[in-house]
Amino acid sequence: MIDIKKAKLAFSEYIKPYDITNEKIALKIKHTYRTVEVAKNIATDLNLNKEQILLSELISLLHDIGRFEQVRLYNTFYDKNSIDHANLGVKILFEDGEIRKFIVDNKYDNIIYKAIKNHNKFKIEEGLGKEELLQARIVRDADKTDIFRVFVEDIEKNNNVLYNYKEISKQKVSSKIMKDFEQYKQSNRDNFTTEIDSYINIIAFIFDYNFITGLKIIKEQNYIERTMKPICICENTKEQMLKIMEISNTYINERIKKDVNSNA
């Protein structure tokens, strides 16, 4: 049985040694709890049973546990410049044995391991079991959805923790990234040539959603416009950015309409 209240208490104990005055640590703590909420909403909308919903919450609670050590050791969120935070997370949980602080029973260990390991990868690995795949898809959607909120808060509070928005607004998206976007695809990180490429690929998260719940949240919260606003200010890039915004909204509206029609 999963006791999510005890797991949250264990999480609060786990993060105590980290410097909460560090804006990156504070950001990840808030992101963790918000991702749990989104995962619960997704699992509930899918009409999963109580234990499955609790498992979705637990996985989301632990999905970024590797981030805290990543920030402590490297002071960055960029895996490419430091360490894969999902791989570090499963090491901390399963090799170092921290998982038992969050759940006593080991019956869900494989599902938790696979979901966390795959939450940040370009694609989910092949060969996952039915429940492993389900939970991996839920945490990926929940994570992406709250990442939009993280960016909006960073922008609207003028924190500039994640990007220097004024600087990247001057950059044009490279042709490969733009072509992928126009085809409703995320791009592989290896294709990035500028910071704006990586930023636009965050908008492209929408093309990798498994369930409709997260896309509805993005639409309701107006996250696309709010995320694009600070990079639509330069005349030489504005047309390209407005096109990206139009493509994004068209895609989201099409997905939501398709979902409504399929459930009619």
C-alpha atoms as a PDB file:
ATOM      1  CA  MET A   1       0.000   0.000   0.000  1.00  0.00           C
ATOM      2  CA  ILE A   2       1.268   3.453  -0.922  1.00  0.00           C
ATOM      3  CA  ASP A   3       1.098   6.097   1.807  1.00  0.00           C
ATOM      4  CA  ILE A   4       1.557   9.323  -0.124  1.00  0.00           C
ATOM      5  CA  LYS A   5       1.445  11.478   3.029  1.00  0.00           C
ATOM      6  CA  LYS A   6       4.373   9.578   4.541  1.00  0.00           C
ATOM      7  CA  ALA A   7       6.192   9.719   1.217  1.00  0.00           C
ATOM      8  CA  LYS A   8       5.819  13.511   1.143  1.00  0.00           C
ATOM      9  CA  LEU A   9       7.147  13.740   4.687  1.00  0.00           C
ATOM     10  CA  ALA A  10      10.106  11.588   3.663  1.00  0.00           C
ATOM     11  CA  PHE A  11      10.681  13.869   0.692  1.00  0.00           C
ATOM     12  CA  SER A  12      10.699  16.953   2.915  1.00  0.00           C
ATOM     13  CA  GLU A  13      13.327  15.216   5.081  1.00  0.00           C
ATOM     14  CA  TYR A  14      15.383  14.248   2.034  1.00  0.00           C
ATOM     15  CA  ILE A  15      15.645  17.823   0.750  1.00  0.00           C
ATOM     16  CA  LYS A  16      16.497  19.383   4.151  1.00  0.00           C
ATOM     17  CA  PRO A  17      20.296  19.278   3.604  1.00  0.00           C
ATOM     18  CA  TYR A  18      19.979  21.261   0.384  1.00  0.00           C
ATOM     19  CA  ASP A  19      20.151  25.046   0.307  1.00  0.00           C
ATOM     20  CA  ILE A  20      16.571  26.212  -0.206  1.00  0.00           C
ATOM     21  CA  THR A  21      17.827  29.785  -0.632  1.00  0.00           C
ATOM     22  CA  ASN A  22      19.372  28.595  -3.903  1.00  0.00           C
ATOM     23  CA  GLU A  23      16.756  29.607  -6.468  1.00  0.00           C
ATOM     24  CA  LYS A  24      17.370  26.440  -8.477  1.00  0.00           C
ATOM     25  CA  ILE A  25      16.674  24.230  -5.446  1.00  0.00           C
ATOM     26  CA  ALA A  26      13.574  26.234  -4.527  1.00  0.00           C
ATOM     27  CA  LEU A  27      12.329  26.002  -8.100  1.00  0.00           C
ATOM     28  CA  LYS A  28      12.705  22.215  -8.142  1.00  0.00           C
ATOM     29  CA  ILE A  29      10.947  21.730  -4.824  1.00  0.00           C
ATOM     30  CA  LYS A  30       7.912  23.645  -6.070  1.00  0.00           C
ATOM     31  CA  HIS A  31       8.067  21.865  -9.421  1.00  0.00           C
ATOM     32  CA  THR A  32       8.035  18.490  -7.684  1.00  0.00           C
ATOM     33  CA  TYR A  33       4.866  19.174  -5.706  1.00  0.00           C
ATOM     34  CA  ARG A  34       3.094  20.733  -8.679  1.00  0.00           C
ATOM     35  CA  THR A  35       4.010  17.777 -10.890  1.00  0.00           C
ATOM     36  CA  VAL A  36       2.421  15.482  -8.306  1.00  0.00           C
ATOM     37  CA  GLU A  37      -0.815  17.467  -8.587  1.00  0.00           C
ATOM     38  CA  VAL A  38      -0.850  17.282 -12.380  1.00  0.00           C
ATOM     39  CA  ALA A  39      -0.100  13.545 -12.351  1.00  0.00           C
ATOM     40  CA  LYS A  40      -3.001  12.989  -9.974  1.00  0.00           C
ATOM     41  CA  ASN A  41      -5.281  14.901 -12.347  1.00  0.00           C
ATOM     42  CA  ILE A  42      -4.127  12.867 -15.335  1.00  0.00           C
ATOM     43  CA  ALA A  43      -4.524   9.538 -13.535  1.00  0.00           C
ATOM     44  CA  THR A  44      -7.955  10.548 -12.261  1.00  0.00           C
ATOM     45  CA  ASP A  45      -9.080  11.619 -15.747  1.00  0.00           C
ATOM     46  CA  LEU A  46      -7.965   8.209 -17.004  1.00  0.00           C
ATOM     47  CA  ASN A  47     -10.270   6.589 -14.427  1.00  0.00           C
ATOM     48  CA  LEU A  48      -7.427   4.620 -12.875  1.00  0.00           C
ATOM     49  CA  ASN A  49      -7.955   2.855  -9.575  1.00  0.00           C
ATOM     50  CA  LYS A  50      -6.910   4.389  -6.258  1.00  0.00           C
ATOM     51  CA  GLU A  51      -3.613   2.498  -6.024  1.00  0.00           C
ATOM     52  CA  GLN A  52      -2.642   3.453  -9.574  1.00  0.00           C
ATOM     53  CA  ILE A  53      -3.385   7.100  -8.837  1.00  0.00           C
ATOM     54  CA  LEU A  54      -1.266   6.970  -5.687  1.00  0.00           C
ATOM     55  CA  LEU A  55       1.527   5.323  -7.656  1.00  0.00           C
ATOM     56  CA  SER A  56       1.375   8.160 -10.214  1.00  0.00           C
ATOM     57  CA  GLU A  57       1.687  10.657  -7.365  1.00  0.00           C
ATOM     58  CA  LEU A  58       4.623   8.806  -5.812  1.00  0.00           C
ATOM     59  CA  ILE A  59       6.515   8.550  -9.098  1.00  0.00           C
ATOM     60  CA  SER A  60       6.013  12.263  -9.710  1.00  0.00           C
ATOM     61  CA  LEU A  61       7.182  13.040  -6.189  1.00  0.00           C
ATOM     62  CA  LEU A  62      10.431  11.203  -6.927  1.00  0.00           C
ATOM     63  CA  HIS A  63      10.877  11.918 -10.643  1.00  0.00           C
ATOM     64  CA  ASP A  64      13.362  14.783 -10.152  1.00  0.00           C
ATOM     65  CA  ILE A  65      15.127  13.554  -7.026  1.00  0.00           C
ATOM     66  CA  GLY A  66      18.373  13.530  -9.010  1.00  0.00           C
ATOM     67  CA  ARG A  67      18.065  17.267  -9.643  1.00  0.00           C
ATOM     68  CA  PHE A  68      19.079  18.213  -6.116  1.00  0.00           C
ATOM     69  CA  GLU A  69      22.449  16.489  -6.326  1.00  0.00           C
ATOM     70  CA  GLN A  70      22.852  17.787  -9.863  1.00  0.00           C
ATOM     71  CA  VAL A  71      22.441  21.368  -8.648  1.00  0.00           C
ATOM     72  CA  ARG A  72      24.679  20.781  -5.629  1.00  0.00           C
ATOM     73  CA  LEU A  73      27.468  19.280  -7.717  1.00  0.00           C
ATOM     74  CA  TYR A  74      27.193  21.229 -10.960  1.00  0.00           C
ATOM     75  CA  ASN A  75      24.857  24.192 -10.254  1.00  0.00           C
ATOM     76  CA  THR A  76      22.971  23.555 -13.503  1.00  0.00           C
ATOM     77  CA  PHE A  77      19.852  21.867 -14.852  1.00  0.00           C
ATOM     78  CA  TYR A  78      21.520  21.069 -18.161  1.00  0.00           C
ATOM     79  CA  ASP A  79      22.121  17.326 -18.298  1.00  0.00           C
ATOM     80  CA  LYS A  80      24.348  17.718 -21.344  1.00  0.00           C
ATOM     81  CA  ASN A  81      26.762  19.851 -19.314  1.00  0.00           C
ATOM     82  CA  SER A  82      26.623  17.727 -16.160  1.00  0.00           C
ATOM     83  CA  ILE A  83      24.822  14.412 -15.652  1.00  0.00           C
ATOM     84  CA  ASP A  84      21.564  12.794 -16.731  1.00  0.00           C
ATOM     85  CA  HIS A  85      19.352  13.674 -13.763  1.00  0.00           C
ATOM     86  CA  ALA A  86      16.942  10.776 -14.318  1.00  0.00           C
ATOM     87  CA  ASN A  87      19.759   8.228 -14.332  1.00  0.00           C
ATOM     88  CA  LEU A  88      21.159   9.868 -11.209  1.00  0.00           C
ATOM     89  CA  GLY A  89      17.712   9.737  -9.632  1.00  0.00           C
ATOM     90  CA  VAL A  90      17.269   5.992 -10.087  1.00  0.00           C
ATOM     91  CA  LYS A  91      20.803   5.448  -8.798  1.00  0.00           C
ATOM     92  CA  ILE A  92      20.004   7.392  -5.634  1.00  0.00           C
ATOM     93  CA  LEU A  93      16.736   5.553  -5.162  1.00  0.00           C
ATOM     94  CA  PHE A  94      17.659   2.000  -6.085  1.00  0.00           C
ATOM     95  CA  GLU A  95      21.437   1.632  -5.847  1.00  0.00           C
ATOM     96  CA  ASP A  96      21.807   3.813  -2.760  1.00  0.00           C
ATOM     97  CA  GLY A  97      18.601   2.413  -1.255  1.00  0.00           C
ATOM     98  CA  GLU A  98      16.724   5.676  -0.700  1.00  0.00           C
ATOM     99  CA  ILE A  99      13.512   4.245  -2.195  1.00  0.00           C
ATOM    100  CA  ARG A 100      12.608   2.445   1.057  1.00  0.00           C
ATOM    101  CA  LYS A 101      12.244   5.816   2.776  1.00  0.00           C
ATOM    102  CA  PHE A 102       9.327   6.579   0.478  1.00  0.00           C
ATOM    103  CA  ILE A 103       7.622   3.199   0.163  1.00  0.00           C
ATOM    104  CA  VAL A 104       8.215   0.107   2.283  1.00  0.00           C
ATOM    105  CA  ASP A 105       6.813  -2.406  -0.185  1.00  0.00           C
ATOM    106  CA  ASN A 106       9.037  -3.302  -3.164  1.00  0.00           C
ATOM    107  CA  LYS A 107       6.193  -4.557  -5.395  1.00  0.00           C
ATOM    108  CA  TYR A 108       6.215  -1.359  -7.468  1.00  0.00           C
ATOM    109  CA  ASP A 109       9.986  -0.951  -7.702  1.00  0.00           C
ATOM    110  CA  ASN A 110      10.272  -1.905 -11.387  1.00  0.00           C
ATOM    111  CA  ILE A 111       7.462   0.445 -12.385  1.00  0.00           C
ATOM    112  CA  ILE A 112       8.915   3.328 -10.376  1.00  0.00           C
ATOM    113  CA  TYR A 113      12.404   2.675 -11.753  1.00  0.00           C
ATOM    114  CA  LYS A 114      11.302   2.559 -15.396  1.00  0.00           C
ATOM    115  CA  ALA A 115       8.998   5.585 -15.133  1.00  0.00           C
ATOM    116  CA  ILE A 116      11.629   7.805 -13.510  1.00  0.00           C
ATOM    117  CA  LYS A 117      14.444   6.626 -15.779  1.00  0.00           C
ATOM    118  CA  ASN A 118      12.371   7.391 -18.874  1.00  0.00           C
ATOM    119  CA  HIS A 119      10.761  10.643 -17.792  1.00  0.00           C
ATOM    120  CA  ASN A 120      13.385  12.901 -19.413  1.00  0.00           C
ATOM    121  CA  LYS A 121      14.418  10.800 -22.396  1.00  0.00           C
ATOM    122  CA  PHE A 122      13.717  11.804 -26.001  1.00  0.00           C
ATOM    123  CA  LYS A 123      11.545   8.708 -26.371  1.00  0.00           C
ATOM    124  CA  ILE A 124      10.366   6.046 -23.925  1.00  0.00           C
ATOM    125  CA  GLU A 125      12.437   2.876 -24.238  1.00  0.00           C
ATOM    126  CA  GLU A 126      10.979  -0.153 -25.976  1.00  0.00           C
ATOM    127  CA  GLY A 127       9.831  -3.264 -24.145  1.00  0.00           C
ATOM    128  CA  LEU A 128       8.125  -1.755 -21.098  1.00  0.00           C
ATOM    129  CA  GLY A 129       5.278  -3.645 -19.473  1.00  0.00           C
ATOM    130  CA  LYS A 130       1.742  -2.262 -19.610  1.00  0.00           C
ATOM    131  CA  GLU A 131       1.821  -0.588 -16.180  1.00  0.00           C
ATOM    132  CA  GLU A 132       5.414   0.592 -16.624  1.00  0.00           C
ATOM    133  CA  LEU A 133       4.475   2.266 -19.895  1.00  0.00           C
ATOM    134  CA  LEU A 134       1.313   3.800 -18.436  1.00  0.00           C
ATOM    135  CA  GLN A 135       3.117   5.339 -15.486  1.00  0.00           C
ATOM    136  CA  ALA A 136       6.030   6.507 -17.651  1.00  0.00           C
ATOM    137  CA  ARG A 137       3.562   8.296 -19.918  1.00  0.00           C
ATOM    138  CA  ILE A 138       1.753   9.920 -16.998  1.00  0.00           C
ATOM    139  CA  VAL A 139       4.886  11.309 -15.358  1.00  0.00           C
ATOM    140  CA  ARG A 140       6.220  12.575 -18.705  1.00  0.00           C
ATOM    141  CA  ASP A 141       2.991  14.489 -19.354  1.00  0.00           C
ATOM    142  CA  ALA A 142       2.814  15.821 -15.795  1.00  0.00           C
ATOM    143  CA  ASP A 143       6.448  16.916 -15.864  1.00  0.00           C
ATOM    144  CA  LYS A 144       6.101  18.714 -19.195  1.00  0.00           C
ATOM    145  CA  THR A 145       2.920  20.454 -18.106  1.00  0.00           C
ATOM    146  CA  ASP A 146       4.472  21.900 -14.987  1.00  0.00           C
ATOM    147  CA  ILE A 147       7.627  22.872 -16.859  1.00  0.00           C
ATOM    148  CA  PHE A 148       5.436  25.310 -18.789  1.00  0.00           C
ATOM    149  CA  ARG A 149       4.318  26.818 -15.463  1.00  0.00           C
ATOM    150  CA  VAL A 150       7.949  27.005 -14.323  1.00  0.00           C
ATOM    151  CA  PHE A 151       8.897  28.977 -17.415  1.00  0.00           C
ATOM    152  CA  VAL A 152       5.921  31.295 -17.146  1.00  0.00           C
ATOM    153  CA  GLU A 153       6.775  32.104 -13.522  1.00  0.00           C
ATOM    154  CA  ASP A 154      10.438  32.650 -14.407  1.00  0.00           C
ATOM    155  CA  ILE A 155       9.376  35.048 -17.152  1.00  0.00           C
ATOM    156  CA  GLU A 156       6.618  36.924 -15.355  1.00  0.00           C
ATOM    157  CA  LYS A 157       8.596  37.387 -12.150  1.00  0.00           C
ATOM    158  CA  ASN A 158      11.649  38.538 -14.150  1.00  0.00           C
ATOM    159  CA  ASN A 159      13.807  35.889 -12.497  1.00  0.00           C
ATOM    160  CA  ASN A 160      15.768  34.876 -15.618  1.00  0.00           C
ATOM    161  CA  VAL A 161      16.906  31.700 -13.865  1.00  0.00           C
ATOM    162  CA  LEU A 162      16.333  29.509 -16.903  1.00  0.00           C
ATOM    163  CA  TYR A 163      17.233  31.786 -19.820  1.00  0.00           C
ATOM    164  CA  ASN A 164      18.259  35.317 -20.636  1.00  0.00           C
ATOM    165  CA  TYR A 165      15.076  35.957 -22.610  1.00  0.00           C
ATOM    166  CA  LYS A 166      16.176  39.301 -24.012  1.00  0.00           C
ATOM    167  CA  GLU A 167      19.271  37.730 -25.533  1.00  0.00           C
ATOM    168  CA  ILE A 168      17.632  34.638 -26.994  1.00  0.00           C
ATOM    169  CA  SER A 169      14.869  36.784 -28.520  1.00  0.00           C
ATOM    170  CA  LYS A 170      17.521  38.074 -30.957  1.00  0.00           C
ATOM    171  CA  GLN A 171      18.299  34.564 -32.227  1.00  0.00           C
ATOM    172  CA  LYS A 172      16.581  32.815 -35.108  1.00  0.00           C
ATOM    173  CA  VAL A 173      15.490  29.208 -34.785  1.00  0.00           C
ATOM    174  CA  SER A 174      17.676  26.976 -36.946  1.00  0.00           C
ATOM    175  CA  SER A 175      16.138  25.456 -40.086  1.00  0.00           C
ATOM    176  CA  LYS A 176      16.205  21.852 -38.791  1.00  0.00           C
ATOM    177  CA  ILE A 177      14.421  22.736 -35.543  1.00  0.00           C
ATOM    178  CA  MET A 178      11.888  24.879 -37.393  1.00  0.00           C
ATOM    179  CA  LYS A 179      11.201  22.136 -39.940  1.00  0.00           C
ATOM    180  CA  ASP A 180      10.578  19.610 -37.165  1.00  0.00           C
ATOM    181  CA  PHE A 181       8.264  22.055 -35.418  1.00  0.00           C
ATOM    182  CA  GLU A 182       6.235  22.625 -38.575  1.00  0.00           C
ATOM    183  CA  GLN A 183       5.839  18.846 -38.819  1.00  0.00           C
ATOM    184  CA  TYR A 184       4.575  18.631 -35.221  1.00  0.00           C
ATOM    185  CA  LYS A 185       7.773  16.981 -33.974  1.00  0.00           C
ATOM    186  CA  GLN A 186      10.214  17.496 -31.151  1.00  0.00           C
ATOM    187  CA  SER A 187      13.848  17.730 -32.202  1.00  0.00           C
ATOM    188  CA  ASN A 188      16.730  15.732 -30.828  1.00  0.00           C
ATOM    189  CA  ARG A 189      18.951  17.846 -28.544  1.00  0.00           C
ATOM    190  CA  ASP A 190      21.937  16.954 -30.722  1.00  0.00           C
ATOM    191  CA  ASN A 191      20.485  19.213 -33.421  1.00  0.00           C
ATOM    192  CA  PHE A 192      20.486  22.380 -31.306  1.00  0.00           C
ATOM    193  CA  THR A 193      22.836  25.102 -32.495  1.00  0.00           C
ATOM    194  CA  THR A 194      21.609  28.035 -30.377  1.00  0.00           C
ATOM    195  CA  GLU A 195      19.830  28.636 -27.090  1.00  0.00           C
ATOM    196  CA  ILE A 196      16.650  29.573 -28.924  1.00  0.00           C
ATOM    197  CA  ASP A 197      16.626  26.086 -30.464  1.00  0.00           C
ATOM    198  CA  SER A 198      16.503  24.502 -27.022  1.00  0.00           C
ATOM    199  CA  TYR A 199      13.882  27.011 -25.873  1.00  0.00           C
ATOM    200  CA  ILE A 200      11.584  26.332 -28.828  1.00  0.00           C
ATOM    201  CA  ASN A 201      11.997  22.613 -28.255  1.00  0.00           C
ATOM    202  CA  ILE A 202      10.367  23.145 -24.861  1.00  0.00           C
ATOM    203  CA  ILE A 203       7.334  24.554 -26.685  1.00  0.00           C
ATOM    204  CA  ALA A 204       7.547  21.416 -28.845  1.00  0.00           C
ATOM    205  CA  PHE A 205       6.815  19.343 -25.735  1.00  0.00           C
ATOM    206  CA  ILE A 206       3.184  19.625 -26.825  1.00  0.00           C
ATOM    207  CA  PHE A 207       3.850  17.203 -29.696  1.00  0.00           C
ATOM    208  CA  ASP A 208       4.886  14.430 -27.301  1.00  0.00           C
ATOM    209  CA  TYR A 209       1.836  14.386 -25.024  1.00  0.00           C
ATOM    210  CA  ASN A 210       0.275  11.015 -24.341  1.00  0.00           C
ATOM    211  CA  PHE A 211      -2.975  12.237 -22.772  1.00  0.00           C
ATOM    212  CA  ILE A 212      -5.218  15.239 -23.269  1.00  0.00           C
ATOM    213  CA  THR A 213      -5.298  16.493 -19.654  1.00  0.00           C
ATOM    214  CA  GLY A 214      -1.980  18.338 -19.814  1.00  0.00           C
ATOM    215  CA  LEU A 215      -2.793  19.975 -23.144  1.00  0.00           C
ATOM    216  CA  LYS A 216      -6.055  21.250 -21.705  1.00  0.00           C
ATOM    217  CA  ILE A 217      -4.137  22.821 -18.816  1.00  0.00           C
ATOM    218  CA  ILE A 218      -1.752  24.486 -21.269  1.00  0.00           C
ATOM    219  CA  LYS A 219      -4.702  25.933 -23.181  1.00  0.00           C
ATOM    220  CA  GLU A 220      -6.618  27.003 -20.060  1.00  0.00           C
ATOM    221  CA  GLN A 221      -3.559  28.718 -18.558  1.00  0.00           C
ATOM    222  CA  ASN A 222      -2.593  30.339 -21.871  1.00  0.00           C
ATOM    223  CA  TYR A 223       0.909  28.919 -21.423  1.00  0.00           C
ATOM    224  CA  ILE A 224       1.923  29.108 -25.084  1.00  0.00           C
ATOM    225  CA  GLU A 225       1.372  32.857 -25.390  1.00  0.00           C
ATOM    226  CA  ARG A 226       2.874  33.518 -21.959  1.00  0.00           C
ATOM    227  CA  THR A 227       5.953  31.426 -22.762  1.00  0.00           C
ATOM    228  CA  MET A 228       6.418  33.023 -26.180  1.00  0.00           C
ATOM    229  CA  LYS A 229       5.816  36.635 -25.096  1.00  0.00           C
ATOM    230  CA  PRO A 230       9.398  37.561 -24.089  1.00  0.00           C
ATOM    231  CA  ILE A 231      10.897  36.204 -27.312  1.00  0.00           C
ATOM    232  CA  CYS A 232       8.471  37.945 -29.694  1.00  0.00           C
ATOM    233  CA  ILE A 233       9.991  41.384 -29.183  1.00  0.00           C
ATOM    234  CA  CYS A 234      12.639  41.641 -31.904  1.00  0.00           C
ATOM    235  CA  GLU A 235      11.521  42.643 -35.385  1.00  0.00           C
ATOM    236  CA  ASN A 236      13.986  40.343 -37.177  1.00  0.00           C
ATOM    237  CA  THR A 237      12.691  37.227 -35.344  1.00  0.00           C
ATOM    238  CA  LYS A 238       9.108  38.215 -34.516  1.00  0.00           C
ATOM    239  CA  GLU A 239       7.551  36.702 -37.644  1.00  0.00           C
ATOM    240  CA  GLN A 240       9.155  33.319 -36.965  1.00  0.00           C
ATOM    241  CA  MET A 241       8.074  33.363 -33.315  1.00  0.00           C
ATOM    242  CA  LEU A 242       4.478  34.265 -34.186  1.00  0.00           C
ATOM    243  CA  LYS A 243       4.433  31.374 -36.641  1.00  0.00           C
ATOM    244  CA  ILE A 244       5.588  29.003 -33.892  1.00  0.00           C
ATOM    245  CA  MET A 245       2.824  30.289 -31.638  1.00  0.00           C
ATOM    246  CA  GLU A 246       0.217  29.793 -34.373  1.00  0.00           C
ATOM    247  CA  ILE A 247       1.401  26.224 -35.067  1.00  0.00           C
ATOM    248  CA  SER A 248       1.311  25.438 -31.341  1.00  0.00           C
ATOM    249  CA  ASN A 249      -2.220  26.680 -30.808  1.00  0.00           C
ATOM    250  CA  THR A 250      -3.475  24.952 -33.948  1.00  0.00           C
ATOM    251  CA  TYR A 251      -1.996  21.651 -32.796  1.00  0.00           C
ATOM    252  CA  ILE A 252      -3.423  21.903 -29.276  1.00  0.00           C
ATOM    253  CA  ASN A 253      -6.869  22.850 -30.564  1.00  0.00           C
ATOM    254  CA  GLU A 254      -6.815  19.947 -33.029  1.00  0.00           C
ATOM    255  CA  ARG A 255      -5.856  17.448 -30.316  1.00  0.00           C
ATOM    256  CA  ILE A 256      -8.538  18.694 -27.949  1.00  0.00           C
ATOM    257  CA  LYS A 257     -11.180  18.707 -30.704  1.00  0.00           C
ATOM    258  CA  LYS A 258     -10.218  15.166 -31.694  1.00  0.00           C
ATOM    259  CA  ASP A 259     -10.533  14.041 -28.074  1.00  0.00           C
ATOM    260  CA  VAL A 260     -13.950  15.672 -27.703  1.00  0.00           C
ATOM    261  CA  ASN A 261     -15.208  14.074 -30.933  1.00  0.00           C
ATOM    262  CA  SER A 262     -13.897  10.637 -29.969  1.00  0.00           C
ATOM    263  CA  ASN A 263     -15.760  10.823 -26.651  1.00  0.00           C
ATOM    264  CA  ALA A 264     -18.983  12.191 -28.135  1.00  0.00           C
END
